[in-house]
Amino acid sequence: QVQLVESGGGLVQAGGSLRLSCVASGRTFSGYAMAWFRQTPGKEREFVGRISRGGGVTDYAESVKGRFTVSRNNAQNTVYLQMNSLKPEDTGVYYCAARNGASTPYESDYNYWGQGTQVTVSS
């Protein structure tokens, strides 16, 4: 199993940037595909981005393409979400998630979750 801890959230003005980090416990991090989801006000939890076990393949929700980047450092057991050109619509609680095997964009496929970190973008 793996335990995940997110950090890096906060309050930022529209157009600004934040980098979220997710640190995983354990020694099998490279065996887990990773993803970021967010819970926005009044909406279902939605997919943001994902990254393959080796980090060679990434995928993003249409709403964040060109602005957000997912990366990972397997040696440090860490996955990142770099968020640029932030918009008020990006406000929400961001969650790091892990699963064995290939990455997917589906919440139900992930069985390990972090506690979430709040991102608030002011207009």
C-alpha atoms as a PDB file:
ATOM      1  CA  GLN A   1       0.000   0.000   0.000  1.00  0.00           C
ATOM      2  CA  VAL A   2       0.947   3.638  -0.276  1.00  0.00           C
ATOM      3  CA  GLN A   3       0.098   6.702   1.780  1.00  0.00           C
ATOM      4  CA  LEU A   4      -0.092  10.094   0.094  1.00  0.00           C
ATOM      5  CA  VAL A   5       0.327  13.587   1.521  1.00  0.00           C
ATOM      6  CA  GLU A   6      -0.390  16.678  -0.581  1.00  0.00           C
ATOM      7  CA  SER A   7       0.970  20.142   0.052  1.00  0.00           C
ATOM      8  CA  GLY A   8       1.386  23.463  -1.705  1.00  0.00           C
ATOM      9  CA  GLY A   9      -2.154  24.755  -1.844  1.00  0.00           C
ATOM     10  CA  GLY A  10      -3.081  28.279  -0.929  1.00  0.00           C
ATOM     11  CA  LEU A  11      -4.604  31.537  -2.055  1.00  0.00           C
ATOM     12  CA  VAL A  12      -3.437  33.033  -5.328  1.00  0.00           C
ATOM     13  CA  GLN A  13      -4.641  35.767  -7.648  1.00  0.00           C
ATOM     14  CA  ALA A  14      -5.960  34.947 -11.091  1.00  0.00           C
ATOM     15  CA  GLY A  15      -3.070  34.574 -13.503  1.00  0.00           C
ATOM     16  CA  GLY A  16      -0.731  33.348 -10.815  1.00  0.00           C
ATOM     17  CA  SER A  17       0.933  29.992 -10.276  1.00  0.00           C
ATOM     18  CA  LEU A  18       1.137  27.267  -7.662  1.00  0.00           C
ATOM     19  CA  ARG A  19       2.956  23.967  -7.490  1.00  0.00           C
ATOM     20  CA  LEU A  20       1.350  21.140  -5.582  1.00  0.00           C
ATOM     21  CA  SER A  21       3.396  18.244  -4.259  1.00  0.00           C
ATOM     22  CA  CYS A  22       2.333  14.754  -3.289  1.00  0.00           C
ATOM     23  CA  VAL A  23       4.774  12.670  -1.284  1.00  0.00           C
ATOM     24  CA  ALA A  24       4.191   8.940  -1.118  1.00  0.00           C
ATOM     25  CA  SER A  25       5.290   6.523   1.545  1.00  0.00           C
ATOM     26  CA  GLY A  26       6.641   3.095   0.809  1.00  0.00           C
ATOM     27  CA  ARG A  27       9.246   1.677  -1.508  1.00  0.00           C
ATOM     28  CA  THR A  28       7.089   0.704  -4.479  1.00  0.00           C
ATOM     29  CA  PHE A  29       6.180   4.188  -5.703  1.00  0.00           C
ATOM     30  CA  SER A  30       7.407   3.481  -9.221  1.00  0.00           C
ATOM     31  CA  GLY A  31       4.812   0.723  -9.516  1.00  0.00           C
ATOM     32  CA  TYR A  32       1.919   3.140  -9.103  1.00  0.00           C
ATOM     33  CA  ALA A  33       0.299   5.294 -11.708  1.00  0.00           C
ATOM     34  CA  MET A  34      -0.599   8.687 -10.286  1.00  0.00           C
ATOM     35  CA  ALA A  35      -3.303  11.233 -10.924  1.00  0.00           C
ATOM     36  CA  TRP A  36      -4.660  14.521  -9.683  1.00  0.00           C
ATOM     37  CA  PHE A  37      -8.349  15.200  -9.156  1.00  0.00           C
ATOM     38  CA  ARG A  38     -10.159  18.216  -7.797  1.00  0.00           C
ATOM     39  CA  GLN A  39     -13.411  18.888  -6.023  1.00  0.00           C
ATOM     40  CA  THR A  40     -14.775  22.217  -7.187  1.00  0.00           C
ATOM     41  CA  PRO A  41     -17.698  24.023  -5.524  1.00  0.00           C
ATOM     42  CA  GLY A  42     -21.017  22.580  -6.580  1.00  0.00           C
ATOM     43  CA  LYS A  43     -19.450  19.947  -8.831  1.00  0.00           C
ATOM     44  CA  GLU A  44     -18.498  16.293  -8.799  1.00  0.00           C
ATOM     45  CA  ARG A  45     -14.895  15.436  -8.208  1.00  0.00           C
ATOM     46  CA  GLU A  46     -13.211  15.733 -11.585  1.00  0.00           C
ATOM     47  CA  PHE A  47     -10.091  14.496 -13.277  1.00  0.00           C
ATOM     48  CA  VAL A  48      -7.263  17.003 -13.686  1.00  0.00           C
ATOM     49  CA  GLY A  49      -4.212  15.115 -14.909  1.00  0.00           C
ATOM     50  CA  ARG A  50      -2.397  11.799 -14.760  1.00  0.00           C
ATOM     51  CA  ILE A  51       1.041  10.353 -15.261  1.00  0.00           C
ATOM     52  CA  SER A  52       2.283   6.878 -16.068  1.00  0.00           C
ATOM     53  CA  ARG A  53       4.472   4.846 -13.759  1.00  0.00           C
ATOM     54  CA  GLY A  54       7.645   5.810 -15.562  1.00  0.00           C
ATOM     55  CA  GLY A  55       6.554   9.384 -16.132  1.00  0.00           C
ATOM     56  CA  GLY A  56       6.690   9.125 -19.902  1.00  0.00           C
ATOM     57  CA  VAL A  57       2.988   9.560 -20.577  1.00  0.00           C
ATOM     58  CA  THR A  58       0.749  12.325 -19.285  1.00  0.00           C
ATOM     59  CA  ASP A  59      -2.843  13.289 -19.922  1.00  0.00           C
ATOM     60  CA  TYR A  60      -4.936  16.283 -18.897  1.00  0.00           C
ATOM     61  CA  ALA A  61      -8.472  17.483 -18.703  1.00  0.00           C
ATOM     62  CA  GLU A  62      -9.331  19.829 -21.543  1.00  0.00           C
ATOM     63  CA  SER A  63      -9.935  22.672 -19.116  1.00  0.00           C
ATOM     64  CA  VAL A  64      -6.321  22.671 -17.901  1.00  0.00           C
ATOM     65  CA  LYS A  65      -4.360  21.740 -21.025  1.00  0.00           C
ATOM     66  CA  GLY A  66      -1.538  24.141 -21.672  1.00  0.00           C
ATOM     67  CA  ARG A  67      -1.690  25.507 -18.129  1.00  0.00           C
ATOM     68  CA  PHE A  68      -1.063  22.529 -15.831  1.00  0.00           C
ATOM     69  CA  THR A  69       1.772  20.013 -15.892  1.00  0.00           C
ATOM     70  CA  VAL A  70       2.054  16.727 -14.004  1.00  0.00           C
ATOM     71  CA  SER A  71       5.512  15.353 -13.310  1.00  0.00           C
ATOM     72  CA  ARG A  72       7.059  12.801 -10.994  1.00  0.00           C
ATOM     73  CA  ASN A  73      10.350  11.990  -9.384  1.00  0.00           C
ATOM     74  CA  ASN A  74      10.327   8.318  -8.527  1.00  0.00           C
ATOM     75  CA  ALA A  75      13.607   8.548  -6.644  1.00  0.00           C
ATOM     76  CA  GLN A  76      11.952  11.032  -4.287  1.00  0.00           C
ATOM     77  CA  ASN A  77       8.544   9.331  -4.200  1.00  0.00           C
ATOM     78  CA  THR A  78       6.947  12.578  -5.292  1.00  0.00           C
ATOM     79  CA  VAL A  79       4.461  13.686  -7.911  1.00  0.00           C
ATOM     80  CA  TYR A  80       3.877  17.340  -8.763  1.00  0.00           C
ATOM     81  CA  LEU A  81       1.161  19.455 -10.271  1.00  0.00           C
ATOM     82  CA  GLN A  82       2.468  22.719 -11.672  1.00  0.00           C
ATOM     83  CA  MET A  83      -0.421  25.122 -12.183  1.00  0.00           C
ATOM     84  CA  ASN A  84       0.078  28.267 -14.237  1.00  0.00           C
ATOM     85  CA  SER A  85      -2.284  30.964 -15.455  1.00  0.00           C
ATOM     86  CA  LEU A  86      -4.718  30.072 -12.722  1.00  0.00           C
ATOM     87  CA  LYS A  87      -8.361  31.004 -13.078  1.00  0.00           C
ATOM     88  CA  PRO A  88     -11.099  31.386 -10.458  1.00  0.00           C
ATOM     89  CA  GLU A  89     -12.692  28.268 -11.952  1.00  0.00           C
ATOM     90  CA  ASP A  90      -9.657  26.288 -10.774  1.00  0.00           C
ATOM     91  CA  THR A  91     -10.651  26.828  -7.154  1.00  0.00           C
ATOM     92  CA  GLY A  92     -11.200  23.616  -5.243  1.00  0.00           C
ATOM     93  CA  VAL A  93      -9.672  20.891  -3.151  1.00  0.00           C
ATOM     94  CA  TYR A  94      -6.970  19.040  -5.055  1.00  0.00           C
ATOM     95  CA  TYR A  95      -6.337  15.372  -4.385  1.00  0.00           C
ATOM     96  CA  CYS A  96      -3.444  13.132  -5.282  1.00  0.00           C
ATOM     97  CA  ALA A  97      -4.380   9.538  -6.082  1.00  0.00           C
ATOM     98  CA  ALA A  98      -2.525   6.306  -6.813  1.00  0.00           C
ATOM     99  CA  ARG A  99      -3.300   2.932  -8.300  1.00  0.00           C
ATOM    100  CA  ASN A 100      -1.386  -0.172  -9.281  1.00  0.00           C
ATOM    101  CA  GLY A 101      -0.805  -0.550 -12.972  1.00  0.00           C
ATOM    102  CA  ALA A 102      -1.598   1.824 -15.795  1.00  0.00           C
ATOM    103  CA  SER A 103      -2.943   5.304 -15.228  1.00  0.00           C
ATOM    104  CA  THR A 104      -6.550   6.171 -15.988  1.00  0.00           C
ATOM    105  CA  PRO A 105      -8.653   9.338 -15.767  1.00  0.00           C
ATOM    106  CA  TYR A 106     -11.342   7.670 -13.659  1.00  0.00           C
ATOM    107  CA  GLU A 107     -11.796   8.368  -9.975  1.00  0.00           C
ATOM    108  CA  SER A 108     -13.171   4.906  -9.267  1.00  0.00           C
ATOM    109  CA  ASP A 109      -9.976   3.256 -10.512  1.00  0.00           C
ATOM    110  CA  TYR A 110      -7.856   4.758  -7.755  1.00  0.00           C
ATOM    111  CA  ASN A 111      -7.702   3.156  -4.348  1.00  0.00           C
ATOM    112  CA  TYR A 112      -5.192   5.383  -2.563  1.00  0.00           C
ATOM    113  CA  TRP A 113      -5.914   9.037  -1.874  1.00  0.00           C
ATOM    114  CA  GLY A 114      -4.287  11.930  -0.122  1.00  0.00           C
ATOM    115  CA  GLN A 115      -6.089  14.232   2.277  1.00  0.00           C
ATOM    116  CA  GLY A 116      -6.431  17.043  -0.243  1.00  0.00           C
ATOM    117  CA  THR A 117      -5.070  20.567  -0.356  1.00  0.00           C
ATOM    118  CA  GLN A 118      -7.158  23.689  -0.879  1.00  0.00           C
ATOM    119  CA  VAL A 119      -6.481  25.937  -3.854  1.00  0.00           C
ATOM    120  CA  THR A 120      -8.316  29.248  -3.981  1.00  0.00           C
ATOM    121  CA  VAL A 121      -7.959  31.571  -6.955  1.00  0.00           C
ATOM    122  CA  SER A 122      -9.264  35.088  -6.477  1.00  0.00           C
ATOM    123  CA  SER A 123     -10.599  37.187  -9.328  1.00  0.00           C
END
